[in-house]
N, C-alpha and C. Protein backbone atom coordinates (compact mmCIF):
# COMPACT_ATOMS: atom_id res chain seq x y z
N MET A 1 15.99 -12.87 11.07
CA MET A 1 16.30 -12.16 9.74
C MET A 1 16.27 -10.71 9.72
N ALA A 2 17.06 -10.23 9.23
CA ALA A 2 16.87 -8.51 9.85
C ALA A 2 16.05 -7.59 8.31
N HIS A 3 15.71 -7.27 8.75
CA HIS A 3 14.31 -6.21 7.95
C HIS A 3 15.24 -4.78 7.44
N SER A 4 15.20 -4.24 6.46
CA SER A 4 15.81 -3.06 6.34
C SER A 4 14.43 -1.96 6.28
N PHE A 5 15.57 -0.83 6.81
CA PHE A 5 13.74 0.60 7.71
C PHE A 5 12.94 0.59 5.75
N MET A 6 13.06 0.21 4.91
CA MET A 6 12.22 0.43 4.03
C MET A 6 10.82 -0.53 3.99
N THR A 7 11.51 -2.17 4.24
CA THR A 7 10.54 -2.97 4.56
C THR A 7 9.64 -2.81 5.83
N HIS A 8 10.35 -2.10 6.45
CA HIS A 8 9.43 -1.41 7.83
C HIS A 8 8.24 -0.64 7.74
N SER A 9 9.18 0.52 6.96
CA SER A 9 8.16 1.49 5.87
C SER A 9 6.96 1.29 5.03
N TRP A 10 7.34 -0.13 4.46
CA TRP A 10 6.06 -0.27 3.97
C TRP A 10 5.12 -0.64 4.46
N THR A 11 5.31 -1.91 5.48
CA THR A 11 4.61 -2.35 6.14
C THR A 11 3.54 -1.54 7.34
N LEU A 12 4.70 -0.36 7.78
CA LEU A 12 4.12 0.85 8.05
C LEU A 12 2.87 1.61 7.24
N ALA A 13 3.19 1.95 6.26
CA ALA A 13 2.39 2.33 5.24
C ALA A 13 1.26 1.22 5.16
N SER A 14 1.16 -0.02 5.11
CA SER A 14 0.37 -0.06 4.32
C SER A 14 -0.84 -0.72 5.60
N PHE A 15 -0.47 -0.80 6.44
CA PHE A 15 -1.42 -0.72 8.08
C PHE A 15 -1.90 0.33 7.92
N PHE A 16 -1.78 1.50 7.53
CA PHE A 16 -2.34 2.58 7.99
C PHE A 16 -3.34 3.20 6.80
N ALA A 17 -3.18 2.00 5.15
CA ALA A 17 -3.51 2.37 4.68
C ALA A 17 -4.88 1.71 4.35
N SER A 18 -4.88 0.16 4.85
CA SER A 18 -5.81 -0.95 5.57
C SER A 18 -7.03 -0.46 6.47
N ALA A 19 -5.96 -0.09 7.48
CA ALA A 19 -6.91 0.96 8.37
C ALA A 19 -7.48 1.72 8.12
N LEU A 20 -7.07 2.85 7.14
CA LEU A 20 -8.17 4.26 6.67
C LEU A 20 -8.68 3.43 5.59
N GLY A 21 -8.99 2.08 4.69
CA GLY A 21 -9.92 1.45 3.84
C GLY A 21 -11.11 1.13 4.73
N LEU A 22 -10.49 0.45 6.03
CA LEU A 22 -11.47 -0.29 6.90
C LEU A 22 -12.52 1.09 7.03
N PHE A 23 -12.00 1.83 7.85
CA PHE A 23 -12.29 2.50 8.67
C PHE A 23 -13.31 3.65 7.12
N LEU A 24 -13.36 3.55 6.20
CA LEU A 24 -13.62 3.79 5.34
C LEU A 24 -15.26 3.09 4.75
N LEU A 25 -14.85 1.96 4.54
CA LEU A 25 -15.63 0.84 4.48
C LEU A 25 -17.27 1.35 5.41
N TYR A 26 -17.07 1.44 6.46
CA TYR A 26 -17.89 0.94 7.70
C TYR A 26 -18.32 2.10 7.32
N ASN A 27 -17.42 3.81 7.57
CA ASN A 27 -18.25 5.20 8.09
C ASN A 27 -18.35 6.13 6.65
N HIS A 28 -18.31 5.51 5.69
CA HIS A 28 -18.80 5.81 4.47
C HIS A 28 -20.08 6.33 3.77
N THR A 29 -21.39 6.10 4.40
CA THR A 29 -22.59 5.40 3.69
C THR A 29 -22.87 5.44 2.41
N LYS A 30 -22.16 6.10 1.13
CA LYS A 30 -22.77 6.16 -0.38
C LYS A 30 -21.75 4.77 -0.71
N ILE A 31 -20.37 4.33 -0.02
CA ILE A 31 -19.73 3.22 -0.83
C ILE A 31 -20.53 2.00 0.13
N ARG A 32 -21.18 1.79 1.67
CA ARG A 32 -21.93 1.15 1.65
C ARG A 32 -23.33 0.88 0.71
N ASN A 33 -23.48 1.71 0.94
CA ASN A 33 -25.78 1.38 0.35
C ASN A 33 -25.40 1.17 -1.10
N GLU A 34 -24.62 2.30 -2.03
CA GLU A 34 -24.70 2.38 -3.12
C GLU A 34 -23.93 1.53 -3.92
N ASP A 35 -22.15 1.24 -3.84
CA ASP A 35 -21.49 1.27 -4.67
C ASP A 35 -20.38 -0.70 -4.44
N LEU A 36 -21.35 -0.60 -3.52
CA LEU A 36 -20.81 -1.75 -3.78
C LEU A 36 -22.47 -2.73 -2.98
N ASP A 37 -22.32 -4.16 -3.26
CA ASP A 37 -23.56 -5.01 -2.37
C ASP A 37 -22.75 -5.84 -1.19
N GLU A 38 -23.48 -6.10 -0.73
CA GLU A 38 -23.18 -6.74 1.07
C GLU A 38 -22.16 -7.84 0.61
N THR A 39 -21.76 -8.67 -0.27
CA THR A 39 -20.98 -9.82 -0.73
C THR A 39 -19.57 -9.20 -0.87
N GLN A 40 -19.54 -7.77 -1.96
CA GLN A 40 -18.26 -7.40 -2.33
C GLN A 40 -17.90 -6.61 -1.03
N TRP A 41 -19.24 -6.02 -0.03
CA TRP A 41 -18.72 -4.72 0.75
C TRP A 41 -18.08 -5.95 2.54
N MET A 42 -18.17 -7.06 1.81
CA MET A 42 -17.57 -8.09 3.93
C MET A 42 -16.49 -8.35 2.92
N LEU A 43 -16.28 -8.85 1.82
CA LEU A 43 -14.70 -9.20 0.92
C LEU A 43 -13.81 -8.21 1.24
N PHE A 44 -14.19 -6.70 1.05
CA PHE A 44 -13.45 -5.65 1.20
C PHE A 44 -12.88 -6.03 2.65
N ALA A 45 -13.72 -5.81 3.63
CA ALA A 45 -13.34 -5.30 5.09
C ALA A 45 -13.20 -6.94 5.53
N MET A 46 -12.99 -7.82 4.61
CA MET A 46 -12.40 -8.98 5.09
C MET A 46 -10.73 -8.83 5.02
N ALA A 47 -10.66 -8.42 3.57
CA ALA A 47 -9.08 -8.62 3.32
C ALA A 47 -8.55 -7.10 3.75
N PHE A 48 -8.96 -6.03 4.32
CA PHE A 48 -8.37 -5.28 5.19
C PHE A 48 -7.61 -5.40 6.47
N ALA A 49 -8.90 -5.96 6.64
CA ALA A 49 -8.78 -6.93 8.01
C ALA A 49 -7.80 -7.67 8.89
N TYR A 50 -7.76 -8.83 7.61
CA TYR A 50 -7.05 -9.98 7.19
C TYR A 50 -5.38 -8.97 7.22
N TRP A 51 -5.03 -8.41 6.22
CA TRP A 51 -4.33 -7.38 6.47
C TRP A 51 -3.18 -6.47 7.27
N ILE A 52 -4.13 -5.88 7.76
CA ILE A 52 -3.87 -5.19 9.25
C ILE A 52 -3.48 -6.36 10.41
N VAL A 53 -3.62 -7.65 11.09
CA VAL A 53 -3.15 -8.69 11.10
C VAL A 53 -1.74 -9.32 10.78
N HIS A 54 -1.95 -8.97 9.44
CA HIS A 54 -0.63 -9.64 8.49
C HIS A 54 0.65 -8.34 8.99
N CYS A 55 0.43 -7.49 8.80
CA CYS A 55 1.26 -5.99 9.24
C CYS A 55 1.77 -5.93 10.72
N ILE A 56 0.69 -6.04 11.32
CA ILE A 56 0.83 -6.29 12.94
C ILE A 56 1.79 -7.87 13.58
N ALA A 57 1.62 -8.95 12.52
CA ALA A 57 1.96 -10.29 13.03
C ALA A 57 3.70 -9.55 12.37
N ILE A 58 3.14 -9.08 11.70
CA ILE A 58 5.38 -9.38 10.36
C ILE A 58 6.08 -7.92 11.78
N SER A 59 4.97 -6.87 12.18
CA SER A 59 5.57 -6.01 13.19
C SER A 59 6.36 -6.71 14.42
N ALA A 60 5.44 -7.46 15.04
CA ALA A 60 5.85 -8.37 16.25
C ALA A 60 7.39 -9.10 16.00
N GLN A 61 7.21 -9.38 15.15
CA GLN A 61 8.18 -10.74 15.02
C GLN A 61 9.66 -10.63 15.69
N PRO A 62 10.47 -8.95 15.19
CA PRO A 62 11.48 -8.75 15.38
C PRO A 62 11.52 -8.45 17.29
N TRP A 63 10.65 -8.06 17.54
CA TRP A 63 10.71 -7.65 19.27
C TRP A 63 10.16 -9.72 19.48
N VAL A 64 10.21 -10.86 19.49
CA VAL A 64 10.20 -11.35 19.86
C VAL A 64 11.37 -12.27 20.17
N PRO A 65 12.13 -12.82 21.83
CA PRO A 65 13.21 -13.08 22.08
C PRO A 65 13.82 -14.24 21.25
N GLN A 66 14.85 -14.51 21.06
CA GLN A 66 15.47 -15.88 20.02
C GLN A 66 14.74 -16.81 20.89
N GLU A 67 14.69 -17.04 22.54
CA GLU A 67 14.43 -18.18 22.88
C GLU A 67 12.89 -18.43 22.73
N TRP A 68 11.98 -17.76 22.33
CA TRP A 68 10.81 -18.14 22.67
C TRP A 68 10.49 -18.73 21.28
N HIS A 69 10.94 -19.92 21.03
CA HIS A 69 10.48 -20.45 19.36
C HIS A 69 8.72 -20.55 18.97
N TRP A 70 8.16 -20.81 20.29
CA TRP A 70 6.80 -20.85 19.92
C TRP A 70 5.46 -19.85 19.39
N ALA A 71 6.65 -18.86 20.14
CA ALA A 71 5.96 -17.72 20.13
C ALA A 71 6.20 -16.96 18.15
N ALA A 72 7.79 -17.25 18.23
CA ALA A 72 7.97 -16.49 17.11
C ALA A 72 7.43 -17.44 15.57
N PHE A 73 7.34 -18.67 15.51
CA PHE A 73 6.39 -19.63 15.45
C PHE A 73 4.99 -19.02 15.13
N SER A 74 4.39 -19.17 16.40
CA SER A 74 3.34 -18.61 15.78
C SER A 74 2.98 -17.07 14.64
N PHE A 75 4.14 -16.31 15.39
CA PHE A 75 3.65 -14.97 14.56
C PHE A 75 4.46 -15.18 13.04
N LYS A 76 5.10 -16.38 13.18
CA LYS A 76 4.81 -16.22 11.04
C LYS A 76 4.01 -16.94 11.02
N PHE A 77 3.29 -18.24 11.63
CA PHE A 77 2.11 -18.74 10.98
C PHE A 77 0.95 -17.81 10.75
N CYS A 78 0.94 -16.47 11.62
CA CYS A 78 -0.08 -15.79 12.00
C CYS A 78 0.05 -14.97 10.26
N SER A 79 0.88 -14.24 10.28
CA SER A 79 1.71 -14.10 8.92
C SER A 79 1.00 -14.06 8.33
N VAL A 80 1.60 -15.47 7.81
CA VAL A 80 1.40 -15.94 6.51
C VAL A 80 -0.38 -16.79 6.02
N LEU A 81 -0.57 -17.24 7.18
CA LEU A 81 -1.93 -16.90 7.31
C LEU A 81 -2.73 -16.14 6.74
N SER A 82 -2.61 -15.04 7.31
CA SER A 82 -3.38 -14.12 7.15
C SER A 82 -3.01 -13.11 5.86
N ALA A 83 -1.80 -13.49 5.40
CA ALA A 83 -1.70 -12.48 3.93
C ALA A 83 -2.60 -13.86 3.03
N LEU A 84 -2.44 -15.50 3.25
CA LEU A 84 -3.08 -15.86 1.98
C LEU A 84 -4.50 -15.59 2.23
N LEU A 85 -5.27 -15.41 3.13
CA LEU A 85 -6.88 -14.79 3.25
C LEU A 85 -7.00 -13.91 2.81
N SER A 86 -5.92 -12.73 3.02
CA SER A 86 -6.39 -11.21 2.51
C SER A 86 -6.05 -11.05 1.05
N PHE A 87 -5.07 -11.99 0.60
CA PHE A 87 -5.41 -12.33 -0.97
C PHE A 87 -6.71 -12.94 -1.55
N SER A 88 -6.56 -14.08 -0.51
CA SER A 88 -7.89 -14.57 -1.22
C SER A 88 -9.29 -13.90 -1.58
N CYS A 89 -9.71 -13.31 -0.67
CA CYS A 89 -10.64 -11.95 -0.40
C CYS A 89 -10.37 -11.60 -1.88
N ALA A 90 -9.16 -10.59 -2.03
CA ALA A 90 -8.89 -10.10 -2.78
C ALA A 90 -9.39 -10.75 -4.29
N LEU A 91 -8.85 -12.05 -4.18
CA LEU A 91 -8.68 -12.57 -5.52
C LEU A 91 -10.39 -13.36 -5.90
N SER A 92 -11.41 -13.18 -5.07
CA SER A 92 -12.85 -13.56 -4.78
C SER A 92 -13.54 -11.99 -5.88
N LEU A 93 -13.08 -10.68 -4.63
CA LEU A 93 -13.41 -9.97 -5.79
C LEU A 93 -14.22 -9.86 -6.94
N PRO A 94 -13.55 -10.03 -8.14
CA PRO A 94 -13.83 -9.95 -9.69
C PRO A 94 -13.95 -12.04 -9.68
N LEU A 95 -14.18 -12.39 -8.65
CA LEU A 95 -15.22 -14.09 -9.05
C LEU A 95 -16.85 -13.05 -8.81
N ASN A 96 -16.79 -13.16 -7.74
CA ASN A 96 -17.87 -12.81 -7.40
C ASN A 96 -18.76 -11.29 -8.55
N ARG A 97 -18.03 -11.08 -8.99
CA ARG A 97 -18.43 -9.68 -10.15
C ARG A 97 -18.99 -10.80 -11.32
N VAL A 98 -18.02 -11.59 -12.07
CA VAL A 98 -18.03 -12.37 -12.88
C VAL A 98 -19.59 -13.20 -12.88
N SER A 99 -20.14 -13.88 -11.43
CA SER A 99 -20.99 -14.81 -10.86
C SER A 99 -22.21 -13.52 -11.02
N GLU A 100 -22.11 -12.59 -10.59
CA GLU A 100 -23.20 -11.55 -10.66
C GLU A 100 -23.82 -11.00 -12.05
N ALA A 101 -22.84 -11.10 -12.68
CA ALA A 101 -23.19 -10.78 -14.08
C ALA A 101 -23.58 -12.31 -14.71
N ASN A 102 -23.44 -12.80 -14.59
CA ASN A 102 -23.54 -14.59 -15.02
C ASN A 102 -25.62 -14.64 -14.19
N LYS A 103 -25.41 -13.60 -13.35
CA LYS A 103 -27.40 -14.00 -12.65
C LYS A 103 -28.16 -12.98 -13.67
N VAL A 104 -27.81 -12.08 -13.25
CA VAL A 104 -28.14 -10.71 -14.34
C VAL A 104 -28.63 -10.98 -16.18
N GLU A 105 -27.65 -11.68 -16.67
CA GLU A 105 -28.21 -12.69 -17.46
C GLU A 105 -28.95 -13.67 -18.02
N GLU A 106 -28.55 -14.63 -16.90
CA GLU A 106 -29.72 -15.54 -16.90
C GLU A 106 -31.44 -14.76 -15.90
N GLU A 107 -31.52 -13.95 -16.18
CA GLU A 107 -32.60 -13.54 -15.05
C GLU A 107 -32.95 -13.10 -16.98
N LEU A 108 -32.15 -12.30 -17.57
CA LEU A 108 -32.87 -11.71 -18.42
C LEU A 108 -33.21 -12.87 -19.83
N TYR A 109 -32.83 -13.64 -19.55
CA TYR A 109 -33.06 -14.68 -20.61
C TYR A 109 -33.98 -15.55 -20.12
């Protein structure tokens, strides 16, 4: 399937945005120590890393020759799996906040 220039541009932009997010998570001390707890920090890091893998798998698909069915299937499977893992990490962030709020509320009573 042929992808448009716009699709490749968005994939490249989201790759660099995820790489920048991962870089900031690891190197910005205020984010690492004050803003996020360990679970939230890890969920953000996993979401960014999985999305980087997704962008690489999407970008590598057109370069695979048509005769290599197993490689094309591997890249497609990897892109779908990494997208699902990335979205599950992103969906877990609000659930983690709700869970922490409930723990704090239970400790008050």
